[in-house]
Amino acid sequence: PQANGEAERFMNNLGKVIRTTLTEGKSWHQNLHVFLRNYRATPHSTLKQPPASLLFGQNIRTKFPELHLPSSNDSLRLVDAQQKGKMKKHVKTRTPECVT
């Protein structure tokens, strides 16, 4: 359902990486690690911080160019809560209420 959309998109991307790797005749296990490293190093669209830096407190090394955005955890939580509130409001306005 709707709440599973993000997980479903991730699984689609993961499946595509594995299928592509097998088609190319490469090691799917090694490419899986590369995909996950790059995924964890990509900044989140709302928080503008990569998940790995939020979890570990430092950036992981990749071939991607790095952005250094100073921010505290409190401000990140505030931005996250604001964005979730906007999405929740949008869903409520678009979803018809059930009539019982």
PDB file of N, CA and C in Angstrom:
ATOM      1  N   PRO A   1       0.812  -1.210   0.000  1.00  0.00           N
ATOM      2  CA  PRO A   1       0.000   0.000   0.000  1.00  0.00           C
ATOM      3  C   PRO A   1       0.850   1.266   0.000  1.00  0.00           C
ATOM      4  N   GLN A   2       0.197   2.409   0.203  1.00  0.00           N
ATOM      5  CA  GLN A   2       0.870   3.702   0.088  1.00  0.00           C
ATOM      6  C   GLN A   2       2.092   3.826   0.976  1.00  0.00           C
ATOM      7  N   ALA A   3       2.012   3.360   2.189  1.00  0.00           N
ATOM      8  CA  ALA A   3       3.118   3.502   3.129  1.00  0.00           C
ATOM      9  C   ALA A   3       4.338   2.700   2.697  1.00  0.00           C
ATOM     10  N   ASN A   4       4.161   1.700   1.864  1.00  0.00           N
ATOM     11  CA  ASN A   4       5.255   0.853   1.419  1.00  0.00           C
ATOM     12  C   ASN A   4       5.919   1.356   0.146  1.00  0.00           C
ATOM     13  N   GLY A   5       5.523   2.492  -0.374  1.00  0.00           N
ATOM     14  CA  GLY A   5       6.040   2.991  -1.644  1.00  0.00           C
ATOM     15  C   GLY A   5       7.538   3.150  -1.673  1.00  0.00           C
ATOM     16  N   GLU A   6       8.095   3.716  -0.617  1.00  0.00           N
ATOM     17  CA  GLU A   6       9.540   3.938  -0.581  1.00  0.00           C
ATOM     18  C   GLU A   6      10.292   2.612  -0.577  1.00  0.00           C
ATOM     19  N   ALA A   7       9.811   1.648   0.198  1.00  0.00           N
ATOM     20  CA  ALA A   7      10.452   0.334   0.240  1.00  0.00           C
ATOM     21  C   ALA A   7      10.334  -0.369  -1.108  1.00  0.00           C
ATOM     22  N   GLU A   8       9.176  -0.242  -1.751  1.00  0.00           N
ATOM     23  CA  GLU A   8       8.981  -0.870  -3.067  1.00  0.00           C
ATOM     24  C   GLU A   8       9.918  -0.267  -4.109  1.00  0.00           C
ATOM     25  N   ARG A   9      10.087   1.051  -4.100  1.00  0.00           N
ATOM     26  CA  ARG A   9      11.001   1.695  -5.053  1.00  0.00           C
ATOM     27  C   ARG A   9      12.432   1.232  -4.829  1.00  0.00           C
ATOM     28  N   PHE A  10      12.830   1.122  -3.551  1.00  0.00           N
ATOM     29  CA  PHE A  10      14.175   0.653  -3.248  1.00  0.00           C
ATOM     30  C   PHE A  10      14.378  -0.765  -3.762  1.00  0.00           C
ATOM     31  N   MET A  11      13.401  -1.639  -3.528  1.00  0.00           N
ATOM     32  CA  MET A  11      13.521  -3.024  -3.981  1.00  0.00           C
ATOM     33  C   MET A  11      13.559  -3.119  -5.502  1.00  0.00           C
ATOM     34  N   ASN A  12      12.820  -2.243  -6.205  1.00  0.00           N
ATOM     35  CA  ASN A  12      12.885  -2.215  -7.671  1.00  0.00           C
ATOM     36  C   ASN A  12      14.295  -1.850  -8.132  1.00  0.00           C
ATOM     37  N   ASN A  13      14.886  -0.832  -7.510  1.00  0.00           N
ATOM     38  CA  ASN A  13      16.246  -0.437  -7.873  1.00  0.00           C
ATOM     39  C   ASN A  13      17.235  -1.550  -7.574  1.00  0.00           C
ATOM     40  N   LEU A  14      17.071  -2.190  -6.431  1.00  0.00           N
ATOM     41  CA  LEU A  14      17.963  -3.274  -6.047  1.00  0.00           C
ATOM     42  C   LEU A  14      17.859  -4.441  -7.028  1.00  0.00           C
ATOM     43  N   GLY A  15      16.649  -4.797  -7.401  1.00  0.00           N
ATOM     44  CA  GLY A  15      16.452  -5.874  -8.378  1.00  0.00           C
ATOM     45  C   GLY A  15      17.059  -5.539  -9.730  1.00  0.00           C
ATOM     46  N   LYS A  16      16.934  -4.282 -10.139  1.00  0.00           N
ATOM     47  CA  LYS A  16      17.507  -3.859 -11.412  1.00  0.00           C
ATOM     48  C   LYS A  16      19.031  -3.977 -11.392  1.00  0.00           C
ATOM     49  N   VAL A  17      19.654  -3.610 -10.277  1.00  0.00           N
ATOM     50  CA  VAL A  17      21.110  -3.717 -10.160  1.00  0.00           C
ATOM     51  C   VAL A  17      21.544  -5.174 -10.264  1.00  0.00           C
ATOM     52  N   ILE A  18      20.845  -6.062  -9.582  1.00  0.00           N
ATOM     53  CA  ILE A  18      21.220  -7.480  -9.607  1.00  0.00           C
ATOM     54  C   ILE A  18      21.002  -8.077 -10.993  1.00  0.00           C
ATOM     55  N   ARG A  19      19.866  -7.777 -11.638  1.00  0.00           N
ATOM     56  CA  ARG A  19      19.614  -8.294 -12.992  1.00  0.00           C
ATOM     57  C   ARG A  19      20.652  -7.783 -13.984  1.00  0.00           C
ATOM     58  N   THR A  20      20.992  -6.506 -13.917  1.00  0.00           N
ATOM     59  CA  THR A  20      21.980  -5.922 -14.827  1.00  0.00           C
ATOM     60  C   THR A  20      23.337  -6.570 -14.630  1.00  0.00           C
ATOM     61  N   THR A  21      23.715  -6.771 -13.377  1.00  0.00           N
ATOM     62  CA  THR A  21      25.003  -7.381 -13.063  1.00  0.00           C
ATOM     63  C   THR A  21      25.078  -8.811 -13.594  1.00  0.00           C
ATOM     64  N   LEU A  22      24.005  -9.578 -13.402  1.00  0.00           N
ATOM     65  CA  LEU A  22      24.002 -10.960 -13.895  1.00  0.00           C
ATOM     66  C   LEU A  22      24.040 -11.002 -15.416  1.00  0.00           C
ATOM     67  N   THR A  23      23.352 -10.067 -16.068  1.00  0.00           N
ATOM     68  CA  THR A  23      23.364 -10.003 -17.528  1.00  0.00           C
ATOM     69  C   THR A  23      24.756  -9.692 -18.052  1.00  0.00           C
ATOM     70  N   GLU A  24      25.479  -8.820 -17.330  1.00  0.00           N
ATOM     71  CA  GLU A  24      26.834  -8.453 -17.747  1.00  0.00           C
ATOM     72  C   GLU A  24      27.861  -9.517 -17.384  1.00  0.00           C
ATOM     73  N   GLY A  25      27.463 -10.522 -16.599  1.00  0.00           N
ATOM     74  CA  GLY A  25      28.376 -11.593 -16.219  1.00  0.00           C
ATOM     75  C   GLY A  25      29.330 -11.208 -15.108  1.00  0.00           C
ATOM     76  N   LYS A  26      28.979 -10.196 -14.318  1.00  0.00           N
ATOM     77  CA  LYS A  26      29.844  -9.739 -13.226  1.00  0.00           C
ATOM     78  C   LYS A  26      29.342 -10.315 -11.902  1.00  0.00           C
ATOM     79  N   SER A  27      30.108 -10.063 -10.857  1.00  0.00           N
ATOM     80  CA  SER A  27      29.750 -10.537  -9.522  1.00  0.00           C
ATOM     81  C   SER A  27      28.635  -9.672  -8.950  1.00  0.00           C
ATOM     82  N   TRP A  28      27.454 -10.271  -8.742  1.00  0.00           N
ATOM     83  CA  TRP A  28      26.331  -9.491  -8.212  1.00  0.00           C
ATOM     84  C   TRP A  28      26.595  -9.075  -6.779  1.00  0.00           C
ATOM     85  N   HIS A  29      27.338  -9.899  -6.045  1.00  0.00           N
ATOM     86  CA  HIS A  29      27.624  -9.607  -4.643  1.00  0.00           C
ATOM     87  C   HIS A  29      28.474  -8.337  -4.514  1.00  0.00           C
ATOM     88  N   GLN A  30      29.486  -8.202  -5.355  1.00  0.00           N
ATOM     89  CA  GLN A  30      30.351  -7.013  -5.311  1.00  0.00           C
ATOM     90  C   GLN A  30      29.577  -5.774  -5.752  1.00  0.00           C
ATOM     91  N   ASN A  31      28.787  -5.889  -6.817  1.00  0.00           N
ATOM     92  CA  ASN A  31      28.009  -4.740  -7.286  1.00  0.00           C
ATOM     93  C   ASN A  31      26.918  -4.353  -6.297  1.00  0.00           C
ATOM     94  N   LEU A  32      26.416  -5.311  -5.530  1.00  0.00           N
ATOM     95  CA  LEU A  32      25.445  -5.000  -4.491  1.00  0.00           C
ATOM     96  C   LEU A  32      26.070  -4.081  -3.441  1.00  0.00           C
ATOM     97  N   HIS A  33      27.310  -4.380  -3.058  1.00  0.00           N
ATOM     98  CA  HIS A  33      28.001  -3.526  -2.084  1.00  0.00           C
ATOM     99  C   HIS A  33      28.257  -2.131  -2.644  1.00  0.00           C
ATOM    100  N   VAL A  34      28.606  -2.043  -3.906  1.00  0.00           N
ATOM    101  CA  VAL A  34      28.820  -0.730  -4.544  1.00  0.00           C
ATOM    102  C   VAL A  34      27.515   0.062  -4.567  1.00  0.00           C
ATOM    103  N   PHE A  35      26.418  -0.603  -4.953  1.00  0.00           N
ATOM    104  CA  PHE A  35      25.121   0.063  -4.987  1.00  0.00           C
ATOM    105  C   PHE A  35      24.724   0.574  -3.602  1.00  0.00           C
ATOM    106  N   LEU A  36      24.864  -0.267  -2.583  1.00  0.00           N
ATOM    107  CA  LEU A  36      24.478   0.140  -1.231  1.00  0.00           C
ATOM    108  C   LEU A  36      25.354   1.270  -0.709  1.00  0.00           C
ATOM    109  N   ARG A  37      26.643   1.234  -1.000  1.00  0.00           N
ATOM    110  CA  ARG A  37      27.535   2.323  -0.573  1.00  0.00           C
ATOM    111  C   ARG A  37      27.115   3.632  -1.224  1.00  0.00           C
ATOM    112  N   ASN A  38      26.842   3.599  -2.515  1.00  0.00           N
ATOM    113  CA  ASN A  38      26.426   4.812  -3.215  1.00  0.00           C
ATOM    114  C   ASN A  38      25.059   5.294  -2.741  1.00  0.00           C
ATOM    115  N   TYR A  39      24.157   4.371  -2.476  1.00  0.00           N
ATOM    116  CA  TYR A  39      22.831   4.732  -1.970  1.00  0.00           C
ATOM    117  C   TYR A  39      22.939   5.424  -0.621  1.00  0.00           C
ATOM    118  N   ARG A  40      23.769   4.883   0.250  1.00  0.00           N
ATOM    119  CA  ARG A  40      23.924   5.445   1.590  1.00  0.00           C
ATOM    120  C   ARG A  40      24.692   6.756   1.586  1.00  0.00           C
ATOM    121  N   ALA A  41      25.456   7.021   0.521  1.00  0.00           N
ATOM    122  CA  ALA A  41      26.234   8.259   0.441  1.00  0.00           C
ATOM    123  C   ALA A  41      25.488   9.371  -0.294  1.00  0.00           C
ATOM    124  N   THR A  42      24.342   9.054  -0.903  1.00  0.00           N
ATOM    125  CA  THR A  42      23.564  10.045  -1.642  1.00  0.00           C
ATOM    126  C   THR A  42      22.709  10.849  -0.665  1.00  0.00           C
ATOM    127  N   PRO A  43      22.780  12.186  -0.736  1.00  0.00           N
ATOM    128  CA  PRO A  43      21.994  13.011   0.189  1.00  0.00           C
ATOM    129  C   PRO A  43      20.501  12.786   0.045  1.00  0.00           C
ATOM    130  N   HIS A  44      19.806  12.755   1.174  1.00  0.00           N
ATOM    131  CA  HIS A  44      18.357  12.602   1.228  1.00  0.00           C
ATOM    132  C   HIS A  44      17.716  13.870   0.677  1.00  0.00           C
ATOM    133  N   SER A  45      16.627  13.751  -0.059  1.00  0.00           N
ATOM    134  CA  SER A  45      16.014  14.910  -0.706  1.00  0.00           C
ATOM    135  C   SER A  45      15.465  15.922   0.291  1.00  0.00           C
ATOM    136  N   THR A  46      15.006  15.484   1.439  1.00  0.00           N
ATOM    137  CA  THR A  46      14.452  16.391   2.435  1.00  0.00           C
ATOM    138  C   THR A  46      15.522  16.947   3.354  1.00  0.00           C
ATOM    139  N   LEU A  47      16.357  16.075   3.874  1.00  0.00           N
ATOM    140  CA  LEU A  47      17.333  16.475   4.889  1.00  0.00           C
ATOM    141  C   LEU A  47      18.618  17.047   4.314  1.00  0.00           C
ATOM    142  N   LYS A  48      18.869  16.790   3.039  1.00  0.00           N
ATOM    143  CA  LYS A  48      20.084  17.256   2.362  1.00  0.00           C
ATOM    144  C   LYS A  48      21.357  16.673   2.978  1.00  0.00           C
ATOM    145  N   GLN A  49      21.228  15.554   3.666  1.00  0.00           N
ATOM    146  CA  GLN A  49      22.358  14.860   4.276  1.00  0.00           C
ATOM    147  C   GLN A  49      22.284  13.381   3.888  1.00  0.00           C
ATOM    148  N   PRO A  50      23.423  12.744   3.604  1.00  0.00           N
ATOM    149  CA  PRO A  50      23.391  11.312   3.306  1.00  0.00           C
ATOM    150  C   PRO A  50      23.061  10.493   4.553  1.00  0.00           C
ATOM    151  N   PRO A  51      22.351   9.376   4.389  1.00  0.00           N
ATOM    152  CA  PRO A  51      22.012   8.539   5.537  1.00  0.00           C
ATOM    153  C   PRO A  51      23.240   8.066   6.317  1.00  0.00           C
ATOM    154  N   ALA A  52      24.326   7.783   5.631  1.00  0.00           N
ATOM    155  CA  ALA A  52      25.525   7.295   6.317  1.00  0.00           C
ATOM    156  C   ALA A  52      26.093   8.358   7.253  1.00  0.00           C
ATOM    157  N   SER A  53      26.086   9.620   6.837  1.00  0.00           N
ATOM    158  CA  SER A  53      26.629  10.663   7.704  1.00  0.00           C
ATOM    159  C   SER A  53      25.717  10.912   8.900  1.00  0.00           C
ATOM    160  N   LEU A  54      24.409  10.737   8.727  1.00  0.00           N
ATOM    161  CA  LEU A  54      23.499  10.878   9.862  1.00  0.00           C
ATOM    162  C   LEU A  54      23.691   9.733  10.856  1.00  0.00           C
ATOM    163  N   LEU A  55      23.956   8.544  10.338  1.00  0.00           N
ATOM    164  CA  LEU A  55      24.122   7.374  11.200  1.00  0.00           C
ATOM    165  C   LEU A  55      25.486   7.359  11.885  1.00  0.00           C
ATOM    166  N   PHE A  56      26.545   7.592  11.119  1.00  0.00           N
ATOM    167  CA  PHE A  56      27.898   7.453  11.639  1.00  0.00           C
ATOM    168  C   PHE A  56      28.520   8.772  12.106  1.00  0.00           C
ATOM    169  N   GLY A  57      27.921   9.904  11.732  1.00  0.00           N
ATOM    170  CA  GLY A  57      28.466  11.198  12.128  1.00  0.00           C
ATOM    171  C   GLY A  57      29.598  11.684  11.248  1.00  0.00           C
ATOM    172  N   GLN A  58      29.884  10.987  10.170  1.00  0.00           N
ATOM    173  CA  GLN A  58      30.917  11.406   9.228  1.00  0.00           C
ATOM    174  C   GLN A  58      30.579  10.858   7.846  1.00  0.00           C
ATOM    175  N   ASN A  59      31.114  11.490   6.818  1.00  0.00           N
ATOM    176  CA  ASN A  59      30.840  11.048   5.460  1.00  0.00           C
ATOM    177  C   ASN A  59      31.664   9.818   5.126  1.00  0.00           C
ATOM    178  N   ILE A  60      31.081   8.920   4.320  1.00  0.00           N
ATOM    179  CA  ILE A  60      31.838   7.780   3.839  1.00  0.00           C
ATOM    180  C   ILE A  60      32.472   8.178   2.513  1.00  0.00           C
ATOM    181  N   ARG A  61      33.560   7.533   2.171  1.00  0.00           N
ATOM    182  CA  ARG A  61      34.300   7.911   0.972  1.00  0.00           C
ATOM    183  C   ARG A  61      33.741   7.182  -0.253  1.00  0.00           C
ATOM    184  N   THR A  62      33.407   7.966  -1.268  1.00  0.00           N
ATOM    185  CA  THR A  62      32.954   7.421  -2.543  1.00  0.00           C
ATOM    186  C   THR A  62      33.582   8.242  -3.651  1.00  0.00           C
ATOM    187  N   LYS A  63      33.234   7.915  -4.879  1.00  0.00           N
ATOM    188  CA  LYS A  63      33.725   8.683  -6.016  1.00  0.00           C
ATOM    189  C   LYS A  63      32.833   9.882  -6.312  1.00  0.00           C
ATOM    190  N   PHE A  64      31.739  10.025  -5.542  1.00  0.00           N
ATOM    191  CA  PHE A  64      30.854  11.172  -5.708  1.00  0.00           C
ATOM    192  C   PHE A  64      31.510  12.428  -5.157  1.00  0.00           C
ATOM    193  N   PRO A  65      31.241  13.596  -5.756  1.00  0.00           N
ATOM    194  CA  PRO A  65      31.714  14.837  -5.134  1.00  0.00           C
ATOM    195  C   PRO A  65      30.962  15.057  -3.820  1.00  0.00           C
ATOM    196  N   GLU A  66      31.656  15.634  -2.846  1.00  0.00           N
ATOM    197  CA  GLU A  66      31.059  15.798  -1.521  1.00  0.00           C
ATOM    198  C   GLU A  66      30.546  17.210  -1.318  1.00  0.00           C
ATOM    199  N   LEU A  67      29.400  17.308  -0.657  1.00  0.00           N
ATOM    200  CA  LEU A  67      28.861  18.595  -0.234  1.00  0.00           C
ATOM    201  C   LEU A  67      29.012  18.668   1.274  1.00  0.00           C
ATOM    202  N   HIS A  68      29.496  19.788   1.758  1.00  0.00           N
ATOM    203  CA  HIS A  68      29.647  19.967   3.193  1.00  0.00           C
ATOM    204  C   HIS A  68      28.621  20.983   3.649  1.00  0.00           C
ATOM    205  N   LEU A  69      27.529  20.490   4.221  1.00  0.00           N
ATOM    206  CA  LEU A  69      26.462  21.349   4.707  1.00  0.00           C
ATOM    207  C   LEU A  69      26.414  21.257   6.226  1.00  0.00           C
ATOM    208  N   PRO A  70      26.832  22.316   6.902  1.00  0.00           N
ATOM    209  CA  PRO A  70      26.784  22.262   8.365  1.00  0.00           C
ATOM    210  C   PRO A  70      25.354  22.380   8.873  1.00  0.00           C
ATOM    211  N   SER A  71      24.968  21.459   9.727  1.00  0.00           N
ATOM    212  CA  SER A  71      23.646  21.514  10.346  1.00  0.00           C
ATOM    213  C   SER A  71      23.637  20.591  11.553  1.00  0.00           C
ATOM    214  N   SER A  72      22.769  20.892  12.490  1.00  0.00           N
ATOM    215  CA  SER A  72      22.681  20.078  13.694  1.00  0.00           C
ATOM    216  C   SER A  72      21.554  19.051  13.544  1.00  0.00           C
ATOM    217  N   ASN A  73      21.555  18.065  14.412  1.00  0.00           N
ATOM    218  CA  ASN A  73      20.506  17.043  14.381  1.00  0.00           C
ATOM    219  C   ASN A  73      19.138  17.631  14.685  1.00  0.00           C
ATOM    220  N   ASP A  74      19.091  18.647  15.565  1.00  0.00           N
ATOM    221  CA  ASP A  74      17.806  19.260  15.904  1.00  0.00           C
ATOM    222  C   ASP A  74      17.186  19.940  14.691  1.00  0.00           C
ATOM    223  N   SER A  75      17.998  20.648  13.909  1.00  0.00           N
ATOM    224  CA  SER A  75      17.444  21.315  12.724  1.00  0.00           C
ATOM    225  C   SER A  75      17.035  20.281  11.669  1.00  0.00           C
ATOM    226  N   LEU A  76      17.768  19.178  11.576  1.00  0.00           N
ATOM    227  CA  LEU A  76      17.394  18.127  10.629  1.00  0.00           C
ATOM    228  C   LEU A  76      16.066  17.488  11.028  1.00  0.00           C
ATOM    229  N   ARG A  77      15.871  17.273  12.321  1.00  0.00           N
ATOM    230  CA  ARG A  77      14.604  16.711  12.785  1.00  0.00           C
ATOM    231  C   ARG A  77      13.444  17.663  12.507  1.00  0.00           C
ATOM    232  N   LEU A  78      13.690  18.970  12.671  1.00  0.00           N
ATOM    233  CA  LEU A  78      12.657  19.963  12.405  1.00  0.00           C
ATOM    234  C   LEU A  78      12.278  19.974  10.930  1.00  0.00           C
ATOM    235  N   VAL A  79      13.267  19.970  10.046  1.00  0.00           N
ATOM    236  CA  VAL A  79      13.003  19.957   8.599  1.00  0.00           C
ATOM    237  C   VAL A  79      12.265  18.680   8.219  1.00  0.00           C
ATOM    238  N   ASP A  80      12.687  17.548   8.778  1.00  0.00           N
ATOM    239  CA  ASP A  80      12.036  16.271   8.489  1.00  0.00           C
ATOM    240  C   ASP A  80      10.581  16.290   8.941  1.00  0.00           C
ATOM    241  N   ALA A  81      10.326  16.803  10.136  1.00  0.00           N
ATOM    242  CA  ALA A  81       8.958  16.867  10.646  1.00  0.00           C
ATOM    243  C   ALA A  81       8.094  17.795   9.793  1.00  0.00           C
ATOM    244  N   GLN A  82       8.646  18.911   9.342  1.00  0.00           N
ATOM    245  CA  GLN A  82       7.893  19.832   8.489  1.00  0.00           C
ATOM    246  C   GLN A  82       7.523  19.180   7.165  1.00  0.00           C
ATOM    247  N   GLN A  83       8.467  18.482   6.549  1.00  0.00           N
ATOM    248  CA  GLN A  83       8.202  17.827   5.267  1.00  0.00           C
ATOM    249  C   GLN A  83       7.175  16.706   5.427  1.00  0.00           C
ATOM    250  N   LYS A  84       7.270  15.942   6.504  1.00  0.00           N
ATOM    251  CA  LYS A  84       6.295  14.875   6.740  1.00  0.00           C
ATOM    252  C   LYS A  84       4.908  15.454   6.982  1.00  0.00           C
ATOM    253  N   GLY A  85       4.847  16.605   7.653  1.00  0.00           N
ATOM    254  CA  GLY A  85       3.565  17.268   7.874  1.00  0.00           C
ATOM    255  C   GLY A  85       2.938  17.721   6.568  1.00  0.00           C
ATOM    256  N   LYS A  86       3.761  18.255   5.662  1.00  0.00           N
ATOM    257  CA  LYS A  86       3.262  18.675   4.346  1.00  0.00           C
ATOM    258  C   LYS A  86       2.711  17.481   3.572  1.00  0.00           C
ATOM    259  N   MET A  87       3.458  16.365   3.597  1.00  0.00           N
ATOM    260  CA  MET A  87       3.005  15.169   2.869  1.00  0.00           C
ATOM    261  C   MET A  87       1.708  14.631   3.469  1.00  0.00           C
ATOM    262  N   LYS A  88       1.625  14.629   4.801  1.00  0.00           N
ATOM    263  CA  LYS A  88       0.435  14.131   5.475  1.00  0.00           C
ATOM    264  C   LYS A  88      -0.781  14.989   5.123  1.00  0.00           C
ATOM    265  N   LYS A  89      -0.597  16.301   5.100  1.00  0.00           N
ATOM    266  CA  LYS A  89      -1.678  17.221   4.754  1.00  0.00           C
ATOM    267  C   LYS A  89      -2.123  17.005   3.305  1.00  0.00           C
ATOM    268  N   HIS A  90      -1.161  16.797   2.419  1.00  0.00           N
ATOM    269  CA  HIS A  90      -1.451  16.577   1.004  1.00  0.00           C
ATOM    270  C   HIS A  90      -2.254  15.283   0.813  1.00  0.00           C
ATOM    271  N   VAL A  91      -1.859  14.232   1.521  1.00  0.00           N
ATOM    272  CA  VAL A  91      -2.562  12.951   1.401  1.00  0.00           C
ATOM    273  C   VAL A  91      -3.987  13.077   1.930  1.00  0.00           C
ATOM    274  N   LYS A  92      -4.166  13.785   3.043  1.00  0.00           N
ATOM    275  CA  LYS A  92      -5.502  13.943   3.617  1.00  0.00           C
ATOM    276  C   LYS A  92      -6.424  14.721   2.690  1.00  0.00           C
ATOM    277  N   THR A  93      -5.901  15.715   1.966  1.00  0.00           N
ATOM    278  CA  THR A  93      -6.741  16.496   1.066  1.00  0.00           C
ATOM    279  C   THR A  93      -7.092  15.714  -0.195  1.00  0.00           C
ATOM    280  N   ARG A  94      -6.256  14.757  -0.584  1.00  0.00           N
ATOM    281  CA  ARG A  94      -6.494  14.001  -1.813  1.00  0.00           C
ATOM    282  C   ARG A  94      -7.270  12.717  -1.570  1.00  0.00           C
ATOM    283  N   THR A  95      -7.287  12.210  -0.350  1.00  0.00           N
ATOM    284  CA  THR A  95      -7.939  10.945  -0.042  1.00  0.00           C
ATOM    285  C   THR A  95      -9.356  11.206   0.437  1.00  0.00           C
ATOM    286  N   PRO A  96     -10.362  10.644  -0.240  1.00  0.00           N
ATOM    287  CA  PRO A  96     -11.733  10.837   0.232  1.00  0.00           C
ATOM    288  C   PRO A  96     -11.951  10.081   1.547  1.00  0.00           C
ATOM    289  N   GLU A  97     -12.696  10.696   2.429  1.00  0.00           N
ATOM    290  CA  GLU A  97     -12.993  10.087   3.725  1.00  0.00           C
ATOM    291  C   GLU A  97     -13.992   8.940   3.523  1.00  0.00           C
ATOM    292  N   CYS A  98     -13.849   7.912   4.305  1.00  0.00           N
ATOM    293  CA  CYS A  98     -14.774   6.780   4.246  1.00  0.00           C
ATOM    294  C   CYS A  98     -16.069   7.175   4.932  1.00  0.00           C
ATOM    295  N   VAL A  99     -17.182   6.889   4.299  1.00  0.00           N
ATOM    296  CA  VAL A  99     -18.488   7.197   4.871  1.00  0.00           C
ATOM    297  C   VAL A  99     -19.043   5.899   5.437  1.00  0.00           C
ATOM    298  N   THR A 100     -19.403   5.923   6.715  1.00  0.00           N
ATOM    299  CA  THR A 100     -19.939   4.710   7.343  1.00  0.00           C
ATOM    300  C   THR A 100     -21.382   4.877   7.693  1.00  0.00           C
TER     301      THR A 100
END
